[in-house]
Amino acid sequence: MYSFSDKNYSNNSIGKQVKYLKAILSKAFDDGAHSNNIFKKSGIKTLKSDVDHIYLTENELELIYNLDLSHISQLKIFNPNPFYSINY
């Protein structure tokens, strides 16, 4: 049997996958693709844990932004702007 604990996934990662699975099952149920509604029972819960969000301070971001990295040739294609981030 597959175990999420073997992969060291957090409760939030597992919970997100359960949430997606329940949404797919619910849509399929509503569309008549199946008649099994066991996924709606309260015994199947989405796991969620509180997490600590750690961010750099504005001063730390300024220090990174002002670093002189011009001597590192591999960074010529890298955008060193720490204020640019991708949130997902």
N, C-alpha and C. Protein backbone atom coordinates (compact mmCIF):
# COMPACT_ATOMS: atom_id res chain seq x y z
N MET A 1 0.84 -1.18 0.00
CA MET A 1 0.00 0.00 0.00
C MET A 1 0.89 1.26 0.00
N TYR A 2 0.51 2.22 -0.77
CA TYR A 2 1.27 3.47 -0.87
C TYR A 2 1.08 4.29 0.40
N SER A 3 2.16 4.81 0.90
CA SER A 3 2.10 5.60 2.13
C SER A 3 2.71 6.98 1.89
N PHE A 4 1.96 8.02 2.17
CA PHE A 4 2.47 9.38 2.05
C PHE A 4 3.56 9.66 3.07
N SER A 5 3.52 8.97 4.19
CA SER A 5 4.53 9.20 5.22
C SER A 5 5.91 8.72 4.76
N ASP A 6 5.95 7.74 3.86
CA ASP A 6 7.23 7.29 3.31
C ASP A 6 7.92 8.40 2.52
N LYS A 7 7.13 9.28 1.94
CA LYS A 7 7.67 10.37 1.13
C LYS A 7 7.88 11.65 1.94
N ASN A 8 7.53 11.64 3.21
CA ASN A 8 7.65 12.81 4.09
C ASN A 8 6.86 14.02 3.60
N TYR A 9 5.69 13.79 3.01
CA TYR A 9 4.83 14.88 2.60
C TYR A 9 4.20 15.51 3.82
N SER A 10 4.00 16.81 3.78
CA SER A 10 3.34 17.50 4.89
C SER A 10 1.83 17.27 4.80
N ASN A 11 1.15 17.52 5.91
CA ASN A 11 -0.31 17.42 5.92
C ASN A 11 -0.93 18.33 4.87
N ASN A 12 -0.36 19.52 4.67
CA ASN A 12 -0.91 20.46 3.69
C ASN A 12 -0.78 19.92 2.27
N SER A 13 0.33 19.25 1.96
CA SER A 13 0.51 18.67 0.62
C SER A 13 -0.50 17.55 0.38
N ILE A 14 -0.63 16.68 1.36
CA ILE A 14 -1.60 15.58 1.25
C ILE A 14 -3.01 16.14 1.18
N GLY A 15 -3.30 17.12 2.02
CA GLY A 15 -4.63 17.72 2.05
C GLY A 15 -5.00 18.36 0.73
N LYS A 16 -4.03 19.00 0.07
CA LYS A 16 -4.30 19.63 -1.21
C LYS A 16 -4.66 18.57 -2.26
N GLN A 17 -3.95 17.44 -2.24
CA GLN A 17 -4.24 16.38 -3.19
C GLN A 17 -5.62 15.76 -2.93
N VAL A 18 -5.96 15.58 -1.65
CA VAL A 18 -7.28 15.05 -1.30
C VAL A 18 -8.37 16.03 -1.75
N LYS A 19 -8.13 17.32 -1.57
CA LYS A 19 -9.09 18.34 -1.99
C LYS A 19 -9.33 18.27 -3.50
N TYR A 20 -8.23 18.15 -4.28
CA TYR A 20 -8.36 18.05 -5.74
C TYR A 20 -9.10 16.78 -6.14
N LEU A 21 -8.77 15.68 -5.49
CA LEU A 21 -9.43 14.41 -5.79
C LEU A 21 -10.92 14.49 -5.49
N LYS A 22 -11.28 15.08 -4.35
CA LYS A 22 -12.69 15.22 -3.99
C LYS A 22 -13.42 16.12 -4.99
N ALA A 23 -12.75 17.16 -5.50
CA ALA A 23 -13.38 18.04 -6.49
C ALA A 23 -13.63 17.29 -7.79
N ILE A 24 -12.67 16.47 -8.21
CA ILE A 24 -12.84 15.68 -9.44
C ILE A 24 -13.96 14.66 -9.26
N LEU A 25 -13.96 13.97 -8.11
CA LEU A 25 -15.01 12.98 -7.85
C LEU A 25 -16.38 13.64 -7.77
N SER A 26 -16.46 14.81 -7.19
CA SER A 26 -17.72 15.53 -7.07
C SER A 26 -18.25 15.94 -8.44
N LYS A 27 -17.36 16.45 -9.29
CA LYS A 27 -17.77 16.85 -10.65
C LYS A 27 -18.23 15.64 -11.44
N ALA A 28 -17.51 14.53 -11.33
CA ALA A 28 -17.90 13.31 -12.04
C ALA A 28 -19.23 12.78 -11.51
N PHE A 29 -19.45 12.89 -10.21
CA PHE A 29 -20.71 12.48 -9.61
C PHE A 29 -21.86 13.34 -10.13
N ASP A 30 -21.64 14.66 -10.18
CA ASP A 30 -22.67 15.58 -10.67
C ASP A 30 -22.98 15.36 -12.15
N ASP A 31 -21.96 14.95 -12.91
CA ASP A 31 -22.14 14.70 -14.34
C ASP A 31 -22.71 13.31 -14.62
N GLY A 32 -22.91 12.51 -13.57
CA GLY A 32 -23.47 11.18 -13.73
C GLY A 32 -22.47 10.12 -14.16
N ALA A 33 -21.19 10.40 -14.04
CA ALA A 33 -20.17 9.43 -14.43
C ALA A 33 -20.09 8.26 -13.46
N HIS A 34 -20.51 8.48 -12.22
CA HIS A 34 -20.56 7.40 -11.23
C HIS A 34 -21.62 7.74 -10.19
N SER A 35 -22.00 6.74 -9.42
CA SER A 35 -23.04 6.96 -8.40
C SER A 35 -22.52 6.72 -6.98
N ASN A 36 -21.22 6.56 -6.83
CA ASN A 36 -20.62 6.31 -5.54
C ASN A 36 -20.39 7.65 -4.84
N ASN A 37 -21.03 7.86 -3.70
CA ASN A 37 -20.88 9.14 -3.00
C ASN A 37 -20.14 8.99 -1.66
N ILE A 38 -19.35 7.95 -1.51
CA ILE A 38 -18.63 7.74 -0.26
C ILE A 38 -17.62 8.87 0.00
N PHE A 39 -17.14 9.50 -1.06
CA PHE A 39 -16.16 10.58 -0.89
C PHE A 39 -16.77 11.79 -0.19
N LYS A 40 -18.10 11.87 -0.12
CA LYS A 40 -18.77 12.99 0.54
C LYS A 40 -18.89 12.80 2.05
N LYS A 41 -18.60 11.61 2.52
CA LYS A 41 -18.74 11.33 3.96
C LYS A 41 -17.71 12.11 4.77
N SER A 42 -18.05 12.37 6.00
CA SER A 42 -17.19 13.20 6.86
C SER A 42 -15.92 12.49 7.29
N GLY A 43 -15.83 11.18 7.09
CA GLY A 43 -14.63 10.44 7.48
C GLY A 43 -13.43 10.74 6.59
N ILE A 44 -13.70 11.25 5.41
CA ILE A 44 -12.61 11.60 4.49
C ILE A 44 -12.42 13.10 4.58
N LYS A 45 -11.39 13.50 5.31
CA LYS A 45 -11.17 14.92 5.57
C LYS A 45 -9.91 15.41 4.90
N THR A 46 -9.94 16.68 4.54
CA THR A 46 -8.75 17.33 4.00
C THR A 46 -7.88 17.76 5.16
N LEU A 47 -6.62 17.31 5.14
CA LEU A 47 -5.69 17.65 6.22
C LEU A 47 -5.14 19.06 6.02
N LYS A 48 -4.93 19.76 7.11
CA LYS A 48 -4.34 21.09 7.04
C LYS A 48 -3.65 21.39 8.36
N SER A 49 -2.43 21.90 8.26
CA SER A 49 -1.66 22.29 9.43
C SER A 49 -1.23 23.74 9.30
N ASP A 50 -1.10 24.41 10.42
CA ASP A 50 -0.57 25.77 10.41
C ASP A 50 0.91 25.72 10.06
N VAL A 51 1.35 26.71 9.29
CA VAL A 51 2.76 26.77 8.91
C VAL A 51 3.33 28.14 9.26
N ASP A 52 4.63 28.17 9.47
CA ASP A 52 5.31 29.43 9.71
C ASP A 52 5.80 29.97 8.37
N HIS A 53 5.39 31.19 8.05
CA HIS A 53 5.85 31.82 6.81
C HIS A 53 7.08 32.66 7.15
N ILE A 54 8.17 32.37 6.48
CA ILE A 54 9.42 33.07 6.74
C ILE A 54 9.76 33.91 5.51
N TYR A 55 9.95 35.20 5.72
CA TYR A 55 10.25 36.12 4.65
C TYR A 55 11.51 36.90 4.98
N LEU A 56 12.16 37.40 3.93
CA LEU A 56 13.29 38.29 4.11
C LEU A 56 12.77 39.68 4.46
N THR A 57 13.52 40.41 5.28
CA THR A 57 13.14 41.79 5.60
C THR A 57 13.49 42.67 4.40
N GLU A 58 12.97 43.87 4.40
CA GLU A 58 13.26 44.79 3.31
C GLU A 58 14.76 45.10 3.26
N ASN A 59 15.39 45.20 4.43
CA ASN A 59 16.83 45.45 4.49
C ASN A 59 17.62 44.29 3.88
N GLU A 60 17.21 43.06 4.17
CA GLU A 60 17.88 41.89 3.60
C GLU A 60 17.71 41.84 2.09
N LEU A 61 16.54 42.21 1.61
CA LEU A 61 16.30 42.27 0.17
C LEU A 61 17.18 43.32 -0.49
N GLU A 62 17.33 44.47 0.16
CA GLU A 62 18.19 45.53 -0.36
C GLU A 62 19.64 45.07 -0.44
N LEU A 63 20.11 44.35 0.60
CA LEU A 63 21.47 43.84 0.59
C LEU A 63 21.70 42.88 -0.58
N ILE A 64 20.75 42.01 -0.83
CA ILE A 64 20.86 41.08 -1.96
C ILE A 64 20.83 41.84 -3.27
N TYR A 65 19.93 42.80 -3.38
CA TYR A 65 19.79 43.58 -4.60
C TYR A 65 21.07 44.34 -4.93
N ASN A 66 21.75 44.84 -3.93
CA ASN A 66 22.94 45.65 -4.14
C ASN A 66 24.25 44.84 -4.21
N LEU A 67 24.16 43.53 -4.11
CA LEU A 67 25.37 42.70 -4.22
C LEU A 67 25.99 42.84 -5.60
N ASP A 68 27.30 42.96 -5.64
CA ASP A 68 28.01 43.01 -6.92
C ASP A 68 28.40 41.59 -7.31
N LEU A 69 27.66 41.05 -8.25
CA LEU A 69 27.91 39.68 -8.72
C LEU A 69 28.42 39.68 -10.16
N SER A 70 28.88 40.83 -10.64
CA SER A 70 29.31 40.94 -12.04
C SER A 70 30.51 40.06 -12.36
N HIS A 71 31.28 39.67 -11.38
CA HIS A 71 32.45 38.84 -11.60
C HIS A 71 32.10 37.36 -11.83
N ILE A 72 30.86 37.00 -11.64
CA ILE A 72 30.42 35.60 -11.83
C ILE A 72 29.76 35.50 -13.20
N SER A 73 30.46 34.94 -14.17
CA SER A 73 29.99 34.91 -15.55
C SER A 73 28.72 34.07 -15.74
N GLN A 74 28.53 33.05 -14.91
CA GLN A 74 27.35 32.20 -15.05
C GLN A 74 26.06 32.94 -14.73
N LEU A 75 26.15 34.08 -14.05
CA LEU A 75 24.96 34.82 -13.64
C LEU A 75 24.53 35.86 -14.67
N LYS A 76 25.16 35.90 -15.82
CA LYS A 76 24.81 36.89 -16.83
C LYS A 76 23.37 36.73 -17.32
N ILE A 77 22.85 35.50 -17.29
CA ILE A 77 21.49 35.27 -17.76
C ILE A 77 20.47 35.29 -16.61
N PHE A 78 20.93 35.45 -15.41
CA PHE A 78 20.08 35.41 -14.22
C PHE A 78 19.63 36.82 -13.84
N ASN A 79 18.36 36.99 -13.52
CA ASN A 79 17.85 38.28 -13.07
C ASN A 79 18.00 38.33 -11.55
N PRO A 80 18.92 39.13 -11.03
CA PRO A 80 19.20 39.14 -9.59
C PRO A 80 18.23 39.99 -8.78
N ASN A 81 17.13 40.41 -9.36
CA ASN A 81 16.19 41.27 -8.65
C ASN A 81 15.35 40.44 -7.68
N PRO A 82 15.61 40.52 -6.38
CA PRO A 82 14.86 39.71 -5.41
C PRO A 82 13.43 40.21 -5.21
N PHE A 83 13.11 41.40 -5.72
CA PHE A 83 11.76 41.93 -5.58
C PHE A 83 10.81 41.29 -6.57
N TYR A 84 11.36 40.60 -7.56
CA TYR A 84 10.56 39.90 -8.53
C TYR A 84 10.38 38.46 -8.04
N SER A 85 9.16 38.06 -7.83
CA SER A 85 8.95 36.70 -7.38
C SER A 85 7.72 36.13 -8.06
N ILE A 86 7.67 34.82 -8.11
CA ILE A 86 6.53 34.13 -8.67
C ILE A 86 5.80 33.44 -7.53
N ASN A 87 4.57 33.81 -7.31
CA ASN A 87 3.78 33.19 -6.26
C ASN A 87 2.83 32.19 -6.89
N TYR A 88 2.76 31.02 -6.31
CA TYR A 88 1.83 30.01 -6.82
C TYR A 88 1.12 29.35 -5.69
